[in-house]
Amino acid sequence: MHSNASKQMRGNTSMPDYAQHLLTDNIIVQGQAAQFMRPDEPFRYLGVLVTMDLNWSHQINSMTHKLSSKLERLNKSQASPKQVLDILFTVVITSIAYAFPVTPCSPSELHNWDTQTLAIVKSKYGLWDKTGTALLWW
């Protein structure tokens, strides 16, 4: 039913709407009606946002937002530089890396995330913006 979403059936009714009409309250799982989901609608499965059409942009946006939020809070904190590094390695990076096995990330996205993370380290240690990356990840 999802293979040709642009196909028109019965005039103005699109295929996803027709599928939703056919499936609404017809499939019972554990005493509850199964929910109809559009192929491009994201749902969380084991902590990863997945769509039926495997569009990973929702998960990548979620990872970017999560990283930015955690880094912003870490930058505003009163943590020492050593504490910042410990938090980065144990909490921030691992929370983003959890989805790496299933999420296809482009090199530019990884570079942007790395740049954001290193900016916090440079800020906390009082280093210049142009300080080399190799110096920081020892």
Protein backbone atom coordinates (compact mmCIF):
# COMPACT_ATOMS: atom_id res chain seq x y z
CA MET A 1 0.00 0.00 0.00
CA HIS A 2 2.92 2.37 0.60
CA SER A 3 4.85 1.57 -2.57
CA ASN A 4 3.21 4.26 -4.70
CA ALA A 5 2.20 7.13 -2.42
CA SER A 6 1.53 9.52 -5.31
CA LYS A 7 -0.94 7.17 -7.01
CA GLN A 8 -4.47 8.54 -6.94
CA MET A 9 -7.43 6.30 -6.13
CA ARG A 10 -11.07 7.29 -6.33
CA GLY A 11 -10.51 10.83 -7.48
CA ASN A 12 -8.97 13.00 -4.75
CA THR A 13 -8.11 10.24 -2.28
CA SER A 14 -4.40 9.49 -2.17
CA MET A 15 -3.03 6.02 -1.51
CA PRO A 16 -1.88 6.73 2.09
CA ASP A 17 -5.31 8.16 2.98
CA TYR A 18 -7.02 5.14 1.45
CA ALA A 19 -4.68 2.80 3.33
CA GLN A 20 -5.41 4.63 6.57
CA HIS A 21 -9.14 4.29 5.92
CA LEU A 22 -8.78 0.54 5.32
CA LEU A 23 -6.57 -0.13 8.33
CA THR A 24 -8.06 2.16 11.01
CA ASP A 25 -9.33 0.07 13.94
CA ASN A 26 -9.16 -3.16 11.89
CA ILE A 27 -5.99 -4.70 13.30
CA ILE A 28 -6.07 -5.48 17.02
CA VAL A 29 -2.78 -6.08 18.86
CA GLN A 30 -2.89 -6.93 22.57
CA GLY A 31 -6.44 -5.61 22.83
CA GLN A 32 -5.68 -2.23 21.20
CA ALA A 33 -6.12 -1.06 17.64
CA ALA A 34 -2.83 -0.75 15.72
CA GLN A 35 -1.89 2.79 14.75
CA PHE A 36 -1.60 3.78 11.10
CA MET A 37 1.62 5.63 10.28
CA ARG A 38 2.57 7.39 7.08
CA PRO A 39 5.79 6.12 5.47
CA ASP A 40 7.56 9.44 6.13
CA GLU A 41 6.39 9.81 9.75
CA PRO A 42 9.21 9.11 12.24
CA PHE A 43 8.81 6.80 15.21
CA ARG A 44 11.27 5.95 17.95
CA TYR A 45 12.53 2.36 17.99
CA LEU A 46 15.15 1.44 20.61
CA GLY A 47 16.05 5.11 20.98
CA VAL A 48 16.53 5.79 17.26
CA LEU A 49 14.11 7.76 15.06
CA VAL A 50 13.19 5.57 12.09
CA THR A 51 10.80 6.05 9.18
CA MET A 52 9.35 3.35 6.96
CA ASP A 53 11.00 4.99 3.95
CA LEU A 54 14.35 5.02 5.84
CA ASN A 55 14.78 8.78 5.74
CA TRP A 56 17.46 9.38 8.37
CA SER A 57 17.17 13.17 8.43
CA HIS A 58 14.89 13.04 11.49
CA GLN A 59 17.46 11.03 13.47
CA ILE A 60 20.36 13.21 12.34
CA ASN A 61 18.44 16.38 13.28
CA SER A 62 17.65 14.83 16.66
CA MET A 63 21.31 13.96 17.22
CA THR A 64 22.41 17.48 16.22
CA HIS A 65 19.87 19.07 18.56
CA LYS A 66 20.82 16.73 21.43
CA LEU A 67 24.52 17.47 20.97
CA SER A 68 24.01 21.24 20.74
CA SER A 69 21.79 21.25 23.81
CA LYS A 70 24.23 19.24 25.93
CA LEU A 71 27.23 21.27 24.78
CA GLU A 72 25.45 24.55 25.50
CA ARG A 73 24.62 23.43 29.04
CA LEU A 74 28.15 22.15 29.54
CA ASN A 75 29.64 25.43 28.32
CA LYS A 76 27.49 27.42 30.78
CA SER A 77 28.38 25.13 33.68
CA GLN A 78 31.00 25.85 36.32
CA ALA A 79 32.76 22.55 35.60
CA SER A 80 36.55 22.52 35.52
CA PRO A 81 38.29 21.73 32.22
CA LYS A 82 39.07 18.18 33.41
CA GLN A 83 35.44 17.65 34.42
CA VAL A 84 34.32 18.93 31.01
CA LEU A 85 36.51 16.36 29.27
CA ASP A 86 35.23 13.59 31.53
CA ILE A 87 31.61 14.58 30.86
CA LEU A 88 32.27 14.81 27.12
CA PHE A 89 33.77 11.33 26.94
CA THR A 90 31.37 9.56 29.29
CA VAL A 91 28.05 11.29 28.57
CA VAL A 92 27.90 13.55 25.54
CA ILE A 93 29.85 11.56 22.96
CA THR A 94 28.41 8.20 24.04
CA SER A 95 24.84 9.52 23.83
CA ILE A 96 25.44 10.55 20.21
CA ALA A 97 27.50 7.47 19.32
CA TYR A 98 24.68 5.14 20.43
CA ALA A 99 22.90 5.57 17.09
CA PHE A 100 26.03 5.37 14.88
CA PRO A 101 25.65 1.65 14.01
CA VAL A 102 22.31 2.28 12.28
CA THR A 103 22.43 5.95 11.26
CA PRO A 104 24.29 6.82 8.06
CA CYS A 105 26.08 10.08 8.94
CA SER A 106 27.92 12.05 6.29
CA PRO A 107 31.53 13.15 6.86
CA SER A 108 30.39 16.79 6.93
CA GLU A 109 27.94 16.08 9.76
CA LEU A 110 30.64 14.27 11.75
CA HIS A 111 33.02 17.17 11.13
CA ASN A 112 30.41 19.70 12.33
CA TRP A 113 29.73 17.70 15.51
CA ASP A 114 33.47 17.35 16.15
CA THR A 115 33.97 21.09 15.62
CA GLN A 116 31.18 21.94 18.09
CA THR A 117 32.62 19.57 20.68
CA LEU A 118 36.16 20.87 20.30
CA ALA A 119 34.97 24.48 20.59
CA ILE A 120 33.76 23.73 24.13
CA VAL A 121 37.09 22.12 25.05
CA LYS A 122 39.02 25.08 23.64
CA SER A 123 36.77 27.50 25.50
CA LYS A 124 37.14 25.73 28.85
CA TYR A 125 40.92 25.43 28.54
CA GLY A 126 41.28 29.02 27.31
CA LEU A 127 42.88 27.96 24.01
CA TRP A 128 42.79 29.84 20.71
CA ASP A 129 40.14 28.97 18.15
CA LYS A 130 42.87 27.92 15.70
CA THR A 131 44.45 25.41 18.10
CA GLY A 132 45.00 22.11 16.28
CA THR A 133 42.58 19.25 16.73
CA ALA A 134 45.36 16.68 17.20
CA LEU A 135 46.54 18.59 20.27
CA LEU A 136 43.14 18.26 21.96
CA TRP A 137 42.33 14.55 21.45
CA TRP A 138 45.47 13.13 23.00
